[in-house]
Amino acid sequence: MYSAEIDEYLQHECELEHSFYLEDYEGEIARWCKGCGDHAILSSVQKILRGRQINPESVVCVSGIGCSSRFPYYLKTYGFHGIHGRALPLSTGVSLARSDLHVITVMGDGDCFSIGAGHWIHALRYNVNLTVLVFDNEIYALTKKQASPTTKMGVATNTSPKGAYLEALNPLTTILGVTNVSFLAQTATWLPAHLSETIEKAWDHEGLSFVRILQRCPIFSPDAFMQGNKVTVPMRFLKNPKGISVSSNLERMGEVVEHNPFDLQHAREIAGDKEKEPMGLLYYNPEIPSYNQIRHSKVIQKSPEEKVADFNRELDKYLV
């Protein structure tokens, strides 16, 4: 930060009336490796919650299995650490039962795109009201370097010592082929401002907002999203007033293109480009109703008091 920016930030902090402070969102000390991009994502989420003064008790963080899935321990909200590939059905249940809560779903590339693939596709189709963050480092890192669906062809792993044989899955094109998709964005942990703004945009969306976050595992995939001479893979930043802002710093890091996030066909074309990673809001359709809205319009809603009374009525049946 420049001096003027620091002064402006401090002035804003002094003027802001706080009910919640950063420590109100800080859980256990993160046990991720030094240099892991998960730290940046956690910091972004905590700062967003704190900046918006979100009550921690109004947020639920649900995860599956993997390094990424320790997130609920480090974010001081309600949390549920599920099992491999099952974060989305758990999140769906929470969201439908308690639509007053904001549900953040955290998964890794293997967790979501492999064992959780069936849930992934149908959660997108149902457009459940969830903020889904997928940490993609192109490897199974917690289990010490097995090939994941997004591992690039030729990359040597413990399960493919001579190099991965198959072309990597493109999650972006897959998502944009699913009916009812309403929000898709991509960002990276080495772009902190872009990362935070993308997550904020996803947070505000009514429906399933899917954010793929590119990152590197410093131990098992330090060269992920890299090309020769340790240079980051070419990036294409998507610019639109309705999308994620592109700063002058980002303009120096990659190509900038105008993209209308409401244009599904153009989003598919950009997502299918194998030469450059698109960064920003690929697709956005707020007109698609969330499954929460559809379901609740068909089911009689009861107050908390009525639910307690119904529960007690059932228990009373067992009184002697």
Protein backbone atom coordinates (compact mmCIF):
# COMPACT_ATOMS: atom_id res chain seq x y z
CA MET A 1 0.00 0.00 0.00
CA TYR A 2 1.10 3.56 -0.69
CA SER A 3 1.13 6.08 2.18
CA ALA A 4 -2.03 7.83 0.94
CA GLU A 5 -3.83 4.50 0.67
CA ILE A 6 -2.79 3.58 4.21
CA ASP A 7 -4.06 6.93 5.54
CA GLU A 8 -7.37 6.46 3.74
CA TYR A 9 -7.68 2.91 5.07
CA LEU A 10 -6.96 3.99 8.67
CA GLN A 11 -9.44 6.85 8.42
CA HIS A 12 -12.09 4.44 7.18
CA GLU A 13 -11.30 2.09 10.08
CA CYS A 14 -11.73 4.88 12.62
CA GLU A 15 -15.09 5.90 11.14
CA LEU A 16 -16.43 2.35 10.97
CA GLU A 17 -18.63 1.28 13.84
CA HIS A 18 -17.66 -2.26 14.74
CA SER A 19 -19.83 -4.94 16.25
CA PHE A 20 -17.48 -7.66 15.04
CA TYR A 21 -13.72 -7.61 14.75
CA LEU A 22 -11.35 -9.75 12.72
CA GLU A 23 -10.68 -12.04 15.67
CA ASP A 24 -14.41 -12.84 15.77
CA TYR A 25 -13.89 -14.77 12.53
CA GLU A 26 -10.58 -16.39 13.44
CA GLY A 27 -10.81 -20.01 14.54
CA GLU A 28 -7.90 -22.35 15.16
CA ILE A 29 -4.41 -21.50 13.91
CA ALA A 30 -4.20 -22.73 10.32
CA ARG A 31 -2.00 -25.81 9.89
CA TRP A 32 -1.49 -25.45 6.16
CA CYS A 33 2.08 -25.43 4.86
CA LYS A 34 3.99 -22.19 4.57
CA GLY A 35 3.30 -20.68 1.16
CA CYS A 36 0.00 -22.53 0.66
CA GLY A 37 -2.58 -20.47 -1.19
CA ASP A 38 -5.27 -21.59 1.25
CA HIS A 39 -4.00 -18.93 3.67
CA ALA A 40 -4.86 -16.19 1.16
CA ILE A 41 -8.37 -17.53 0.64
CA LEU A 42 -9.04 -17.79 4.37
CA SER A 43 -7.78 -14.25 4.91
CA SER A 44 -10.00 -12.94 2.10
CA VAL A 45 -13.12 -14.60 3.50
CA GLN A 46 -12.43 -13.36 7.04
CA LYS A 47 -11.85 -9.80 5.86
CA ILE A 48 -15.01 -9.84 3.75
CA LEU A 49 -17.11 -11.01 6.70
CA ARG A 50 -15.51 -8.46 8.97
CA GLY A 51 -15.82 -5.62 6.43
CA ARG A 52 -19.51 -6.36 5.99
CA GLN A 53 -20.01 -6.91 9.72
CA ILE A 54 -21.60 -10.30 9.13
CA ASN A 55 -22.68 -12.07 12.31
CA PRO A 56 -20.56 -15.27 12.51
CA GLU A 57 -23.63 -17.12 13.74
CA SER A 58 -25.38 -16.43 10.42
CA VAL A 59 -22.73 -18.29 8.40
CA VAL A 60 -22.13 -22.03 7.94
CA CYS A 61 -18.96 -23.35 6.32
CA VAL A 62 -19.23 -26.89 4.93
CA SER A 63 -16.31 -28.88 3.51
CA GLY A 64 -15.39 -32.33 2.26
CA ILE A 65 -11.93 -33.91 2.57
CA GLY A 66 -8.51 -32.52 1.68
CA CYS A 67 -6.21 -29.70 2.72
CA SER A 68 -8.84 -27.16 1.67
CA SER A 69 -11.46 -28.86 3.79
CA ARG A 70 -9.88 -27.86 7.09
CA PHE A 71 -11.41 -24.46 6.37
CA PRO A 72 -14.29 -24.80 8.89
CA TYR A 73 -11.78 -25.21 11.73
CA TYR A 74 -10.07 -21.93 10.87
CA LEU A 75 -13.17 -19.84 10.16
CA LYS A 76 -15.00 -19.02 13.39
CA THR A 77 -18.53 -19.59 12.14
CA TYR A 78 -20.74 -22.64 12.28
CA GLY A 79 -19.02 -25.43 10.38
CA PHE A 80 -19.35 -29.00 9.19
CA HIS A 81 -16.37 -31.09 8.08
CA GLY A 82 -17.92 -33.79 5.93
CA ILE A 83 -16.49 -36.76 4.05
CA HIS A 84 -14.86 -37.02 0.64
CA GLY A 85 -17.01 -35.63 -2.15
CA ARG A 86 -20.06 -35.01 0.01
CA ALA A 87 -19.78 -31.30 0.81
CA LEU A 88 -22.47 -30.31 -1.70
CA PRO A 89 -25.29 -32.58 -0.48
CA LEU A 90 -24.52 -31.51 3.09
CA SER A 91 -24.57 -27.86 2.04
CA THR A 92 -27.82 -28.35 0.15
CA GLY A 93 -29.47 -29.75 3.25
CA VAL A 94 -28.30 -26.85 5.40
CA SER A 95 -29.36 -24.27 2.82
CA LEU A 96 -32.85 -25.71 2.34
CA ALA A 97 -33.47 -26.26 6.05
CA ARG A 98 -32.10 -22.87 7.11
CA SER A 99 -32.38 -20.41 4.25
CA ASP A 100 -31.72 -17.62 6.72
CA LEU A 101 -28.09 -18.79 6.96
CA HIS A 102 -25.37 -18.12 4.40
CA VAL A 103 -23.64 -21.35 3.37
CA ILE A 104 -20.04 -21.40 2.13
CA THR A 105 -19.00 -24.70 0.55
CA VAL A 106 -15.26 -25.40 0.35
CA MET A 107 -13.75 -28.21 -1.74
CA GLY A 108 -10.57 -29.15 -3.56
CA ASP A 109 -10.27 -30.21 -7.20
CA GLY A 110 -10.28 -33.93 -6.41
CA ASP A 111 -13.00 -33.54 -3.80
CA CYS A 112 -15.34 -31.74 -6.21
CA PHE A 113 -14.46 -32.94 -9.71
CA SER A 114 -13.76 -36.62 -8.93
CA ILE A 115 -15.55 -38.38 -6.08
CA GLY A 116 -18.01 -35.48 -5.73
CA ALA A 117 -18.67 -35.09 -9.46
CA GLY A 118 -22.22 -36.43 -9.34
CA HIS A 119 -23.18 -34.00 -6.59
CA TRP A 120 -21.31 -31.18 -8.36
CA ILE A 121 -23.34 -31.42 -11.56
CA HIS A 122 -26.71 -31.69 -9.84
CA ALA A 123 -26.05 -28.92 -7.32
CA LEU A 124 -25.34 -26.67 -10.31
CA ARG A 125 -28.55 -27.79 -12.01
CA TYR A 126 -30.62 -27.23 -8.89
CA ASN A 127 -29.04 -23.78 -8.40
CA VAL A 128 -29.15 -24.11 -4.61
CA ASN A 129 -28.29 -20.93 -2.73
CA LEU A 130 -24.62 -21.64 -1.94
CA THR A 131 -21.27 -19.88 -2.27
CA VAL A 132 -19.00 -22.63 -3.61
CA LEU A 133 -15.23 -22.16 -3.50
CA VAL A 134 -13.08 -24.81 -5.18
CA PHE A 135 -9.35 -24.65 -4.43
CA ASP A 136 -7.72 -26.14 -7.54
CA ASN A 137 -4.01 -26.98 -7.28
CA GLU A 138 -4.19 -29.73 -9.92
CA ILE A 139 -3.19 -32.48 -7.48
CA TYR A 140 -4.30 -34.58 -4.52
CA ALA A 141 -1.98 -32.94 -2.00
CA LEU A 142 -3.17 -34.22 1.38
CA THR A 143 -2.54 -37.81 0.26
CA LYS A 144 0.87 -36.86 -1.11
CA LYS A 145 0.65 -36.24 -4.87
CA GLN A 146 -1.83 -38.35 -6.76
CA ALA A 147 -3.23 -37.21 -10.11
CA SER A 148 -6.53 -35.34 -9.89
CA PRO A 149 -9.02 -34.67 -12.72
CA THR A 150 -7.32 -31.33 -13.44
CA THR A 151 -3.73 -32.65 -13.46
CA LYS A 152 -2.14 -31.70 -16.78
CA MET A 153 -1.21 -34.44 -19.23
CA GLY A 154 2.39 -35.55 -18.75
CA VAL A 155 2.71 -34.44 -15.12
CA ALA A 156 4.35 -37.19 -13.05
CA THR A 157 2.52 -38.18 -9.87
CA ASN A 158 2.50 -41.18 -7.53
CA THR A 159 -0.38 -42.68 -9.50
CA SER A 160 1.08 -41.73 -12.89
CA PRO A 161 4.89 -41.91 -12.45
CA LYS A 162 5.40 -41.72 -16.22
CA GLY A 163 3.09 -38.74 -16.49
CA ALA A 164 -0.69 -38.35 -16.49
CA TYR A 165 -2.08 -40.07 -19.57
CA LEU A 166 -5.32 -38.15 -20.03
CA GLU A 167 -6.03 -34.56 -20.97
CA ALA A 168 -7.08 -32.59 -17.90
CA LEU A 169 -10.73 -31.90 -17.21
CA ASN A 170 -11.78 -28.31 -17.93
CA PRO A 171 -14.20 -27.49 -15.08
CA LEU A 172 -15.26 -24.22 -16.70
CA THR A 173 -16.55 -25.75 -19.93
CA THR A 174 -18.17 -28.56 -17.96
CA ILE A 175 -20.04 -26.12 -15.72
CA LEU A 176 -21.22 -24.00 -18.63
CA GLY A 177 -22.78 -27.08 -20.20
CA VAL A 178 -25.09 -27.68 -17.23
CA THR A 179 -28.68 -26.44 -17.27
CA ASN A 180 -29.56 -23.66 -14.80
CA VAL A 181 -25.99 -22.50 -14.11
CA SER A 182 -26.29 -18.95 -12.81
CA PHE A 183 -22.81 -17.81 -11.68
CA LEU A 184 -19.29 -18.86 -12.68
CA ALA A 185 -16.07 -17.01 -11.92
CA GLN A 186 -12.38 -17.80 -11.83
CA THR A 187 -9.58 -16.17 -9.86
CA ALA A 188 -6.21 -17.09 -8.31
CA THR A 189 -4.52 -16.90 -4.92
CA TRP A 190 -1.63 -14.88 -6.35
CA LEU A 191 -4.11 -12.09 -7.24
CA PRO A 192 -5.30 -11.09 -3.73
CA ALA A 193 -7.44 -8.07 -4.64
CA HIS A 194 -9.04 -9.91 -7.56
CA LEU A 195 -9.60 -12.92 -5.29
CA SER A 196 -11.40 -10.89 -2.62
CA GLU A 197 -13.61 -9.03 -5.08
CA THR A 198 -14.55 -12.28 -6.81
CA ILE A 199 -15.58 -13.93 -3.53
CA GLU A 200 -17.59 -10.83 -2.58
CA LYS A 201 -19.40 -10.94 -5.92
CA ALA A 202 -20.19 -14.60 -5.35
CA TRP A 203 -21.40 -13.87 -1.82
CA ASP A 204 -24.05 -11.45 -3.11
CA HIS A 205 -25.49 -13.85 -5.69
CA GLU A 206 -28.86 -15.50 -5.05
CA GLY A 207 -28.34 -19.07 -6.24
CA LEU A 208 -25.25 -21.24 -6.60
CA SER A 209 -22.20 -19.08 -7.17
CA PHE A 210 -19.26 -21.22 -8.28
CA VAL A 211 -15.74 -19.83 -7.92
CA ARG A 212 -12.76 -21.82 -9.15
CA ILE A 213 -9.63 -20.57 -7.39
CA LEU A 214 -6.32 -21.46 -9.01
CA GLN A 215 -3.48 -22.10 -6.58
CA ARG A 216 -0.25 -24.02 -6.12
CA CYS A 217 0.72 -26.56 -3.50
CA PRO A 218 4.24 -25.48 -2.44
CA ILE A 219 5.16 -29.11 -1.73
CA PHE A 220 3.51 -31.28 -4.39
CA SER A 221 2.49 -28.93 -7.22
CA PRO A 222 4.70 -25.82 -7.07
CA ASP A 223 4.67 -25.63 -10.88
CA ALA A 224 0.88 -25.70 -11.27
CA PHE A 225 -0.36 -23.01 -13.64
CA MET A 226 3.21 -22.30 -14.67
CA GLN A 227 5.06 -22.54 -17.95
CA GLY A 228 8.77 -22.44 -18.80
CA ASN A 229 11.18 -20.37 -16.71
CA LYS A 230 8.78 -20.29 -13.75
CA VAL A 231 6.47 -17.79 -15.45
CA THR A 232 2.78 -17.84 -14.55
CA VAL A 233 0.54 -19.28 -17.24
CA PRO A 234 -0.87 -16.60 -19.61
CA MET A 235 -4.03 -15.01 -18.20
CA ARG A 236 -6.95 -13.25 -19.84
CA PHE A 237 -8.76 -10.76 -17.60
CA LEU A 238 -12.46 -10.32 -18.31
CA LYS A 239 -13.60 -6.72 -18.13
CA ASN A 240 -17.17 -5.50 -17.71
CA PRO A 241 -18.95 -3.01 -15.41
CA LYS A 242 -21.01 -5.93 -14.06
CA GLY A 243 -17.95 -8.12 -13.56
CA ILE A 244 -14.73 -8.05 -11.54
CA SER A 245 -12.69 -4.86 -11.82
CA VAL A 246 -9.37 -5.01 -13.67
CA SER A 247 -6.73 -2.76 -12.10
CA SER A 248 -3.77 -1.26 -13.93
CA ASN A 249 -1.56 -3.82 -12.17
CA LEU A 250 -3.62 -6.65 -13.60
CA GLU A 251 -3.51 -5.09 -17.05
CA ARG A 252 0.27 -5.46 -16.94
CA MET A 253 -0.03 -9.13 -16.01
CA GLY A 254 -2.13 -10.34 -18.90
CA GLU A 255 -4.47 -9.64 -21.78
CA VAL A 256 -7.64 -7.67 -21.01
CA VAL A 257 -10.80 -8.36 -23.02
CA GLU A 258 -14.30 -6.97 -22.88
CA HIS A 259 -16.72 -9.72 -21.94
CA ASN A 260 -20.44 -9.60 -21.30
CA PRO A 261 -21.05 -12.09 -18.45
CA PHE A 262 -24.68 -12.46 -19.53
CA ASP A 263 -23.54 -13.96 -22.86
CA LEU A 264 -23.43 -17.74 -22.33
CA GLN A 265 -22.05 -18.57 -25.76
CA HIS A 266 -19.16 -16.13 -25.43
CA ALA A 267 -18.46 -17.46 -21.93
CA ARG A 268 -18.19 -20.96 -23.38
CA GLU A 269 -15.77 -19.78 -26.05
CA ILE A 270 -13.55 -18.08 -23.47
CA ALA A 271 -13.69 -21.08 -21.13
CA GLY A 272 -12.62 -23.42 -23.92
CA ASP A 273 -9.46 -21.48 -24.80
CA LYS A 274 -6.51 -23.71 -23.93
CA GLU A 275 -3.91 -20.96 -24.34
CA LYS A 276 -4.95 -18.53 -21.60
CA GLU A 277 -6.68 -18.87 -18.24
CA PRO A 278 -9.74 -16.57 -18.03
CA MET A 279 -9.86 -14.48 -14.87
CA GLY A 280 -13.04 -12.83 -13.73
CA LEU A 281 -16.79 -13.33 -14.04
CA LEU A 282 -17.42 -15.71 -16.93
CA TYR A 283 -21.17 -16.10 -16.61
CA TYR A 284 -23.93 -14.49 -14.59
CA ASN A 285 -27.69 -14.95 -14.87
CA PRO A 286 -29.64 -13.57 -11.89
CA GLU A 287 -32.95 -14.40 -13.60
CA ILE A 288 -32.65 -18.12 -12.85
CA PRO A 289 -34.55 -18.81 -9.61
CA SER A 290 -32.70 -20.59 -6.85
CA TYR A 291 -33.94 -24.00 -5.78
CA ASN A 292 -34.59 -22.48 -2.36
CA GLN A 293 -37.11 -20.07 -3.89
CA ILE A 294 -38.81 -22.82 -5.90
CA ARG A 295 -38.94 -25.29 -3.04
CA HIS A 296 -40.15 -22.83 -0.44
CA SER A 297 -42.92 -21.61 -2.74
CA LYS A 298 -44.24 -25.20 -2.84
CA VAL A 299 -43.87 -26.02 0.86
CA ILE A 300 -45.72 -24.41 3.76
CA GLN A 301 -43.19 -22.49 5.83
CA LYS A 302 -43.41 -22.67 9.61
CA SER A 303 -42.01 -20.36 12.25
CA PRO A 304 -39.32 -21.58 14.67
CA GLU A 305 -41.97 -21.69 17.41
CA GLU A 306 -44.23 -23.88 15.27
CA LYS A 307 -41.35 -26.24 14.50
CA VAL A 308 -40.54 -26.61 18.20
CA ALA A 309 -44.22 -27.26 18.96
CA ASP A 310 -44.37 -29.95 16.25
CA PHE A 311 -41.22 -31.57 17.63
CA ASN A 312 -42.56 -31.58 21.18
CA ARG A 313 -45.85 -33.01 19.94
CA GLU A 314 -43.99 -35.98 18.48
CA LEU A 315 -42.03 -36.49 21.70
CA ASP A 316 -45.26 -36.39 23.71
CA LYS A 317 -46.40 -39.53 21.91
CA TYR A 318 -43.80 -41.48 23.85
CA LEU A 319 -44.90 -40.30 27.28
CA VAL A 320 -46.11 -43.08 29.53
